[in-house]
């Protein structure tokens, strides 16, 4: 029904490509930087470890369900790992997947999240999908700005969470070109 999401994407400044075992340390650093209200963090026993993440990268080079992908982002000029972006089932579905992205704090404020996500949205449209979702905690203003630049809008759906902050369901219909 859908064509597979590509295993790599290239933009002006970024490369999104399959996971490598060498991404494990930088990927774990990303988890260590996460806001305390984030759902998945390093637990009290120190898991996942770098070795756990290395094993995951070997087992999941596309980082998501078959036909989708959650890919590492690296800077084209240096090869530096700065985060990840792609499509997952997450809170969505295989037919209407969720756009997911996370960048290292050192990469914030340079437009990389928007650039990577723009490439992912365009690739999602080429797979034949008609709608994407993104769930964002109510306190995550930078993510809302990225999604607004990509023509996502508030769907009216909210998942309450008094501990971590409500999740706002943003959506985008893919038969409309990016503005």
Protein backbone atom coordinates (compact mmCIF):
# COMPACT_ATOMS: atom_id res chain seq x y z
CA UNK A 1 0.00 0.00 0.00
CA UNK A 2 2.84 2.42 0.88
CA UNK A 3 6.35 2.58 -0.43
CA UNK A 4 9.03 2.21 2.23
CA UNK A 5 10.44 5.29 3.86
CA UNK A 6 13.96 5.89 2.50
CA UNK A 7 16.90 4.61 4.52
CA UNK A 8 18.72 7.92 4.10
CA UNK A 9 17.98 11.55 3.29
CA UNK A 10 20.31 14.42 2.48
CA UNK A 11 19.59 18.12 2.91
CA UNK A 12 21.75 21.18 2.37
CA UNK A 13 23.51 20.78 5.73
CA UNK A 14 22.41 17.39 7.07
CA UNK A 15 22.51 13.67 6.38
CA UNK A 16 19.95 11.28 7.86
CA UNK A 17 21.20 7.70 7.57
CA UNK A 18 20.91 4.26 9.23
CA UNK A 19 22.07 3.81 12.82
CA UNK A 20 25.65 2.67 13.39
CA UNK A 21 27.13 1.12 16.54
CA UNK A 22 29.39 4.18 16.73
CA UNK A 23 26.28 6.37 17.34
CA UNK A 24 25.64 4.74 20.73
CA UNK A 25 27.69 7.09 22.91
CA UNK A 26 26.29 10.29 21.37
CA UNK A 27 22.77 8.83 21.39
CA UNK A 28 23.07 8.07 25.12
CA UNK A 29 24.34 11.62 25.73
CA UNK A 30 21.12 12.85 24.11
CA UNK A 31 19.15 10.83 26.68
CA UNK A 32 21.21 12.32 29.51
CA UNK A 33 20.32 15.86 28.34
CA UNK A 34 16.58 15.26 28.27
CA UNK A 35 14.24 17.40 30.29
CA UNK A 36 13.32 15.62 33.55
CA UNK A 37 9.69 15.63 32.39
CA UNK A 38 10.53 13.52 29.31
CA UNK A 39 9.06 10.04 29.18
CA UNK A 40 12.21 8.03 28.46
CA UNK A 41 15.38 8.83 30.34
CA UNK A 42 18.36 6.99 31.76
CA UNK A 43 16.99 5.04 34.72
CA UNK A 44 18.37 4.83 38.27
CA UNK A 45 20.44 1.77 37.36
CA UNK A 46 22.09 3.64 34.45
CA UNK A 47 20.12 1.93 31.70
CA UNK A 48 20.20 2.03 28.85
CA UNK A 49 23.98 1.84 28.82
CA UNK A 50 26.17 2.68 25.84
CA UNK A 51 26.40 -1.07 25.19
CA UNK A 52 22.59 -1.38 25.33
CA UNK A 53 22.31 1.39 22.76
CA UNK A 54 25.05 -0.13 20.59
CA UNK A 55 23.12 -3.42 20.56
CA UNK A 56 19.91 -1.58 19.67
CA UNK A 57 21.65 0.20 16.75
CA UNK A 58 22.90 -3.12 15.37
CA UNK A 59 19.47 -4.72 15.70
CA UNK A 60 17.54 -1.64 14.44
CA UNK A 61 19.54 0.25 11.79
CA UNK A 62 16.31 1.98 10.66
CA UNK A 63 15.27 2.66 14.26
CA UNK A 64 11.57 2.03 13.64
CA UNK A 65 8.99 -0.42 12.43
CA UNK A 66 9.49 -1.91 8.93
CA UNK A 67 8.51 0.62 6.27
CA UNK A 68 9.23 3.57 8.59
CA UNK A 69 12.51 4.99 9.88
CA UNK A 70 13.89 7.02 12.78
CA UNK A 71 17.29 8.06 11.51
CA UNK A 72 20.35 9.69 13.09
CA UNK A 73 21.10 13.22 11.93
CA UNK A 74 24.68 14.14 11.21
CA UNK A 75 26.21 17.36 9.94
CA UNK A 76 27.32 16.84 6.34
CA UNK A 77 30.48 18.89 6.69
CA UNK A 78 31.82 17.10 9.78
CA UNK A 79 29.84 13.85 10.21
CA UNK A 80 29.00 14.92 13.77
CA UNK A 81 25.94 13.16 15.25
CA UNK A 82 23.47 15.82 16.44
CA UNK A 83 20.23 13.90 16.96
CA UNK A 84 17.60 11.92 15.11
CA UNK A 85 14.44 12.45 13.08
CA UNK A 86 11.95 10.23 11.30
CA UNK A 87 8.62 8.46 11.39
CA UNK A 88 7.48 6.04 14.08
CA UNK A 89 4.16 4.50 15.01
CA UNK A 90 4.45 6.16 18.46
CA UNK A 91 1.08 7.71 19.30
CA UNK A 92 -0.02 7.46 15.65
CA UNK A 93 -0.39 4.38 13.47
CA UNK A 94 1.43 2.74 10.57
CA UNK A 95 -0.95 4.50 8.15
CA UNK A 96 -0.68 7.85 9.94
CA UNK A 97 2.70 7.76 11.68
CA UNK A 98 4.19 10.19 14.13
CA UNK A 99 6.98 12.59 13.24
CA UNK A 100 9.66 12.31 15.93
CA UNK A 101 12.85 14.31 16.39
CA UNK A 102 15.33 15.19 19.09
CA UNK A 103 18.52 17.20 18.87
CA UNK A 104 21.48 17.58 21.17
CA UNK A 105 21.38 20.87 23.05
CA UNK A 106 24.54 22.05 21.25
CA UNK A 107 22.57 21.80 17.97
CA UNK A 108 19.57 23.85 19.14
CA UNK A 109 18.87 27.21 17.52
CA UNK A 110 20.43 26.51 14.11
CA UNK A 111 17.33 25.35 12.22
CA UNK A 112 18.53 21.73 12.05
CA UNK A 113 15.32 20.25 13.49
CA UNK A 114 13.23 22.12 10.92
CA UNK A 115 15.57 21.15 8.08
CA UNK A 116 15.59 17.46 9.02
CA UNK A 117 11.86 17.33 9.71
CA UNK A 118 11.07 19.10 6.43
CA UNK A 119 12.97 16.34 4.57
CA UNK A 120 11.13 13.66 6.56
CA UNK A 121 7.71 15.21 5.84
CA UNK A 122 8.49 15.38 2.10
CA UNK A 123 9.70 11.76 2.12
CA UNK A 124 6.55 10.69 4.03
CA UNK A 125 4.40 12.23 1.31
CA UNK A 126 6.33 10.24 -1.31
CA UNK A 127 5.46 6.99 0.52
CA UNK A 128 1.79 7.64 -0.20
CA UNK A 129 0.76 8.53 3.32
CA UNK A 130 -1.93 11.19 3.72
CA UNK A 131 -1.48 12.46 7.30
CA UNK A 132 1.22 12.73 9.95
CA UNK A 133 0.97 13.30 13.68
CA UNK A 134 3.33 14.76 16.26
CA UNK A 135 2.72 14.73 19.98
CA UNK A 136 4.41 17.50 21.93
CA UNK A 137 4.40 18.22 25.64
CA UNK A 138 2.67 21.51 26.38
CA UNK A 139 5.91 23.02 27.75
CA UNK A 140 8.03 22.23 24.66
CA UNK A 141 7.83 25.61 22.90
CA UNK A 142 10.79 24.97 20.52
CA UNK A 143 9.10 21.84 19.13
CA UNK A 144 5.87 23.76 18.56
CA UNK A 145 7.85 26.33 16.56
CA UNK A 146 9.39 23.60 14.39
CA UNK A 147 6.00 22.02 13.73
CA UNK A 148 4.38 25.34 12.89
CA UNK A 149 7.08 25.97 10.26
CA UNK A 150 6.11 22.61 8.74
CA UNK A 151 2.39 23.49 8.62
CA UNK A 152 1.36 21.19 11.47
CA UNK A 153 -1.65 22.43 13.42
CA UNK A 154 -3.29 21.63 16.75
CA UNK A 155 -5.77 18.81 16.12
CA UNK A 156 -7.85 19.65 19.19
CA UNK A 157 -6.75 16.41 20.84
CA UNK A 158 -4.88 16.51 24.16
CA UNK A 159 -3.65 13.60 26.28
CA UNK A 160 -3.64 14.80 29.90
CA UNK A 161 -0.57 14.09 32.02
CA UNK A 162 -0.38 16.05 35.28
CA UNK A 163 3.16 14.76 35.99
CA UNK A 164 4.98 15.29 32.68
CA UNK A 165 2.70 17.87 31.08
CA UNK A 166 -0.17 17.32 28.68
CA UNK A 167 0.62 15.98 25.21
CA UNK A 168 -0.76 18.16 22.44
CA UNK A 169 -1.59 16.29 19.24
CA UNK A 170 -0.40 18.21 16.20
CA UNK A 171 -1.22 17.00 12.70
CA UNK A 172 -0.51 17.71 9.05
CA UNK A 173 -2.32 16.60 5.92
CA UNK A 174 0.22 15.54 3.31
CA UNK A 175 -1.70 16.37 0.14
CA UNK A 176 -0.84 20.02 0.78
CA UNK A 177 2.61 21.25 -0.27
CA UNK A 178 4.96 22.65 2.38
CA UNK A 179 4.84 26.41 2.51
